[in-house]
């Protein structure tokens, strides 16, 4: 559903943003750029774990689909017939 997709996108962006800020501050304090990268990668992994699987919190508002129509059987019968050849004049 669209509301679930929006929620997943907001969670994903929020975790990435927070982990980038924390990683930058921690890396700046320790003067180690590697820690910044590790913290951002951990935030990315966490956000993927929370947003990629189809968790029930993302499926609360299912879409209403149209019912299946039975009009395809007539088309199938006519498609099974051999095409008529036109005589050359």
N, C-alpha and C. Protein backbone atom coordinates (compact mmCIF):
# COMPACT_ATOMS: atom_id res chain seq x y z
N UNK A 1 0.83 -1.18 0.00
CA UNK A 1 0.00 0.00 0.00
C UNK A 1 0.88 1.25 0.00
N UNK A 2 0.29 2.34 -0.39
CA UNK A 2 1.06 3.58 -0.56
C UNK A 2 1.47 4.19 0.78
N UNK A 3 0.62 4.08 1.78
CA UNK A 3 0.98 4.62 3.10
C UNK A 3 2.14 3.83 3.70
N UNK A 4 2.15 2.53 3.50
CA UNK A 4 3.26 1.69 3.98
C UNK A 4 4.55 2.02 3.27
N UNK A 5 4.48 2.29 1.96
CA UNK A 5 5.68 2.67 1.22
C UNK A 5 6.23 4.01 1.72
N UNK A 6 5.33 4.93 2.01
CA UNK A 6 5.76 6.24 2.52
C UNK A 6 6.42 6.08 3.89
N UNK A 7 5.82 5.25 4.76
CA UNK A 7 6.39 5.01 6.08
C UNK A 7 7.77 4.36 5.97
N UNK A 8 7.91 3.37 5.09
CA UNK A 8 9.20 2.71 4.91
C UNK A 8 10.25 3.69 4.41
N UNK A 9 9.88 4.56 3.49
CA UNK A 9 10.81 5.56 2.97
C UNK A 9 11.24 6.53 4.06
N UNK A 10 10.30 6.97 4.90
CA UNK A 10 10.63 7.90 5.98
C UNK A 10 11.55 7.24 7.01
N UNK A 11 11.27 5.99 7.35
CA UNK A 11 12.13 5.27 8.30
C UNK A 11 13.53 5.10 7.72
N UNK A 12 13.61 4.71 6.45
CA UNK A 12 14.90 4.50 5.80
C UNK A 12 15.72 5.78 5.80
N UNK A 13 15.11 6.89 5.37
CA UNK A 13 15.85 8.15 5.31
C UNK A 13 16.21 8.66 6.70
N UNK A 14 15.33 8.47 7.67
CA UNK A 14 15.62 8.91 9.03
C UNK A 14 16.80 8.18 9.64
N UNK A 15 16.83 6.87 9.48
CA UNK A 15 17.94 6.09 10.05
C UNK A 15 19.25 6.44 9.36
N UNK A 16 19.23 6.60 8.04
CA UNK A 16 20.44 6.97 7.32
C UNK A 16 20.94 8.34 7.78
N UNK A 17 20.03 9.30 7.93
CA UNK A 17 20.42 10.65 8.35
C UNK A 17 20.99 10.64 9.76
N UNK A 18 20.32 9.98 10.68
CA UNK A 18 20.79 9.93 12.07
C UNK A 18 22.14 9.23 12.16
N UNK A 19 22.30 8.12 11.45
CA UNK A 19 23.58 7.40 11.52
C UNK A 19 24.69 8.22 10.86
N UNK A 20 24.39 8.98 9.83
CA UNK A 20 25.41 9.83 9.21
C UNK A 20 25.85 10.94 10.16
N UNK A 21 24.91 11.54 10.86
CA UNK A 21 25.26 12.60 11.81
C UNK A 21 26.07 12.04 12.97
N UNK A 22 25.61 10.92 13.53
CA UNK A 22 26.34 10.30 14.64
C UNK A 22 27.72 9.86 14.18
N UNK A 23 27.79 9.25 13.01
CA UNK A 23 29.07 8.80 12.49
C UNK A 23 30.03 9.94 12.24
N UNK A 24 29.52 11.04 11.70
CA UNK A 24 30.39 12.20 11.45
C UNK A 24 30.92 12.77 12.76
N UNK A 25 30.04 12.93 13.75
CA UNK A 25 30.46 13.51 15.03
C UNK A 25 31.47 12.59 15.72
N UNK A 26 31.18 11.28 15.74
CA UNK A 26 32.09 10.35 16.39
C UNK A 26 33.42 10.27 15.65
N UNK A 27 33.37 10.25 14.33
CA UNK A 27 34.60 10.23 13.55
C UNK A 27 35.42 11.50 13.71
N UNK A 28 34.75 12.64 13.86
CA UNK A 28 35.44 13.91 14.05
C UNK A 28 36.12 13.95 15.43
N UNK A 29 35.40 13.44 16.46
CA UNK A 29 35.96 13.45 17.81
C UNK A 29 37.17 12.53 17.89
N UNK A 30 37.06 11.33 17.34
CA UNK A 30 38.16 10.36 17.42
C UNK A 30 39.20 10.56 16.31
N UNK A 31 38.90 11.44 15.36
CA UNK A 31 39.78 11.71 14.22
C UNK A 31 40.06 10.45 13.41
N UNK A 32 39.03 9.63 13.26
CA UNK A 32 39.12 8.40 12.49
C UNK A 32 37.95 8.35 11.51
N UNK A 33 38.25 8.53 10.22
CA UNK A 33 37.20 8.51 9.21
C UNK A 33 36.59 7.12 9.06
N UNK A 34 37.34 6.11 9.38
CA UNK A 34 36.86 4.74 9.29
C UNK A 34 35.64 4.49 10.16
N UNK A 35 35.63 5.09 11.35
CA UNK A 35 34.47 4.93 12.24
C UNK A 35 33.23 5.57 11.65
N UNK A 36 33.41 6.67 10.96
CA UNK A 36 32.27 7.32 10.30
C UNK A 36 31.66 6.36 9.28
N UNK A 37 32.50 5.75 8.48
CA UNK A 37 32.03 4.81 7.46
C UNK A 37 31.35 3.61 8.10
N UNK A 38 31.94 3.06 9.15
CA UNK A 38 31.35 1.90 9.82
C UNK A 38 29.97 2.21 10.40
N UNK A 39 29.83 3.38 11.02
CA UNK A 39 28.56 3.74 11.63
C UNK A 39 27.49 3.97 10.56
N UNK A 40 27.87 4.61 9.45
CA UNK A 40 26.91 4.81 8.36
C UNK A 40 26.52 3.47 7.74
N UNK A 41 27.48 2.57 7.57
CA UNK A 41 27.16 1.24 7.03
C UNK A 41 26.26 0.46 7.98
N UNK A 42 26.47 0.59 9.28
CA UNK A 42 25.60 -0.09 10.25
C UNK A 42 24.19 0.49 10.19
N UNK A 43 24.09 1.81 10.03
CA UNK A 43 22.77 2.44 9.88
C UNK A 43 22.08 1.99 8.62
N UNK A 44 22.83 1.84 7.55
CA UNK A 44 22.27 1.35 6.29
C UNK A 44 21.76 -0.08 6.45
N UNK A 45 22.55 -0.94 7.09
CA UNK A 45 22.14 -2.32 7.30
C UNK A 45 20.88 -2.40 8.18
N UNK A 46 20.83 -1.58 9.22
CA UNK A 46 19.66 -1.55 10.10
C UNK A 46 18.42 -1.07 9.34
N UNK A 47 18.59 -0.03 8.54
CA UNK A 47 17.43 0.49 7.79
C UNK A 47 16.96 -0.52 6.74
N UNK A 48 17.88 -1.24 6.14
CA UNK A 48 17.47 -2.29 5.19
C UNK A 48 16.71 -3.40 5.90
N UNK A 49 17.17 -3.77 7.07
CA UNK A 49 16.49 -4.82 7.85
C UNK A 49 15.09 -4.40 8.25
N UNK A 50 14.90 -3.11 8.53
CA UNK A 50 13.60 -2.64 8.97
C UNK A 50 12.64 -2.31 7.83
N UNK A 51 13.16 -2.03 6.64
CA UNK A 51 12.26 -1.57 5.57
C UNK A 51 12.11 -2.51 4.39
N UNK A 52 13.05 -3.38 4.12
CA UNK A 52 12.94 -4.23 2.94
C UNK A 52 11.95 -5.40 3.09
N UNK A 53 11.94 -6.13 4.21
CA UNK A 53 10.94 -7.21 4.32
C UNK A 53 9.52 -6.63 4.41
N UNK A 54 8.53 -7.39 3.96
CA UNK A 54 7.14 -6.90 4.02
C UNK A 54 6.54 -7.06 5.42
N UNK A 55 6.99 -6.27 6.36
CA UNK A 55 6.49 -6.33 7.73
C UNK A 55 5.01 -5.94 7.77
N UNK A 56 4.26 -6.46 8.75
CA UNK A 56 2.82 -6.13 8.83
C UNK A 56 2.52 -4.64 9.01
N UNK A 57 3.44 -3.88 9.59
CA UNK A 57 3.18 -2.45 9.79
C UNK A 57 3.14 -1.69 8.46
N UNK A 58 3.67 -2.29 7.40
CA UNK A 58 3.64 -1.65 6.08
C UNK A 58 2.44 -2.11 5.25
N UNK A 59 1.67 -3.09 5.75
CA UNK A 59 0.54 -3.64 4.99
C UNK A 59 -0.80 -3.39 5.67
N UNK A 60 -0.94 -2.29 6.35
CA UNK A 60 -2.17 -2.00 7.08
C UNK A 60 -3.28 -1.47 6.19
N UNK A 61 -2.96 -0.88 5.06
CA UNK A 61 -3.95 -0.28 4.16
C UNK A 61 -3.86 -0.91 2.78
N UNK A 62 -4.38 -2.13 2.60
CA UNK A 62 -4.27 -2.79 1.29
C UNK A 62 -5.10 -2.06 0.23
N UNK A 63 -4.65 -2.17 -1.01
CA UNK A 63 -5.35 -1.54 -2.13
C UNK A 63 -6.56 -2.38 -2.53
N UNK A 64 -7.62 -1.72 -2.96
CA UNK A 64 -8.82 -2.41 -3.45
C UNK A 64 -8.65 -2.63 -4.95
N UNK A 65 -8.58 -3.88 -5.36
CA UNK A 65 -8.42 -4.21 -6.77
C UNK A 65 -9.79 -4.49 -7.38
N UNK A 66 -9.90 -4.31 -8.68
CA UNK A 66 -11.13 -4.62 -9.37
C UNK A 66 -11.33 -6.12 -9.42
N UNK A 67 -12.58 -6.60 -9.42
CA UNK A 67 -12.81 -8.05 -9.50
C UNK A 67 -12.42 -8.58 -10.88
N UNK A 68 -12.10 -9.86 -10.93
CA UNK A 68 -11.71 -10.50 -12.18
C UNK A 68 -12.94 -10.66 -13.06
N UNK A 69 -12.80 -10.33 -14.34
CA UNK A 69 -13.91 -10.48 -15.28
C UNK A 69 -13.68 -11.73 -16.13
N UNK A 70 -14.75 -12.38 -16.53
CA UNK A 70 -14.67 -13.64 -17.26
C UNK A 70 -14.74 -13.44 -18.77
N UNK A 71 -14.35 -12.29 -19.29
CA UNK A 71 -14.47 -12.03 -20.72
C UNK A 71 -13.32 -12.65 -21.52
N UNK A 72 -12.30 -13.15 -20.88
CA UNK A 72 -11.15 -13.71 -21.58
C UNK A 72 -11.40 -15.06 -22.22
N UNK A 73 -12.46 -15.79 -21.85
CA UNK A 73 -12.69 -17.12 -22.41
C UNK A 73 -13.10 -17.05 -23.88
N UNK A 74 -13.87 -16.04 -24.28
CA UNK A 74 -14.27 -15.91 -25.68
C UNK A 74 -13.08 -15.58 -26.56
N UNK A 75 -12.20 -14.75 -26.07
CA UNK A 75 -11.01 -14.38 -26.84
C UNK A 75 -10.10 -15.58 -27.01
N UNK A 76 -10.01 -16.42 -25.99
CA UNK A 76 -9.15 -17.59 -26.05
C UNK A 76 -9.67 -18.58 -27.09
N UNK A 77 -10.99 -18.78 -27.16
CA UNK A 77 -11.56 -19.70 -28.14
C UNK A 77 -11.30 -19.21 -29.56
N UNK A 78 -11.44 -17.93 -29.79
CA UNK A 78 -11.21 -17.41 -31.14
C UNK A 78 -9.73 -17.43 -31.48
N UNK A 79 -8.85 -17.33 -30.50
CA UNK A 79 -7.41 -17.36 -30.76
C UNK A 79 -6.94 -18.77 -31.07
N UNK A 80 -7.65 -19.81 -30.60
CA UNK A 80 -7.27 -21.18 -30.85
C UNK A 80 -7.56 -21.61 -32.29
N UNK A 81 -8.47 -20.93 -32.97
CA UNK A 81 -8.81 -21.28 -34.34
C UNK A 81 -7.69 -20.90 -35.29
N UNK A 82 -7.61 -21.65 -36.39
CA UNK A 82 -6.61 -21.33 -37.40
C UNK A 82 -7.03 -20.08 -38.16
N UNK A 83 -6.09 -19.24 -38.50
CA UNK A 83 -6.46 -18.03 -39.25
C UNK A 83 -6.91 -18.41 -40.67
N UNK A 84 -7.89 -17.69 -41.17
CA UNK A 84 -8.39 -17.95 -42.52
C UNK A 84 -7.44 -17.35 -43.54
N UNK A 85 -7.24 -18.09 -44.61
CA UNK A 85 -6.40 -17.58 -45.69
C UNK A 85 -7.28 -16.95 -46.73
N UNK A 86 -6.88 -15.82 -47.19
CA UNK A 86 -7.62 -15.12 -48.23
C UNK A 86 -7.13 -15.58 -49.59
N UNK A 87 -8.07 -15.81 -50.47
CA UNK A 87 -7.68 -16.25 -51.80
C UNK A 87 -7.15 -15.06 -52.60
N UNK A 88 -6.17 -15.32 -53.43
CA UNK A 88 -5.58 -14.26 -54.25
C UNK A 88 -6.46 -14.04 -55.47
N UNK A 89 -6.69 -12.80 -55.82
CA UNK A 89 -7.52 -12.49 -56.97
C UNK A 89 -6.68 -12.12 -58.16
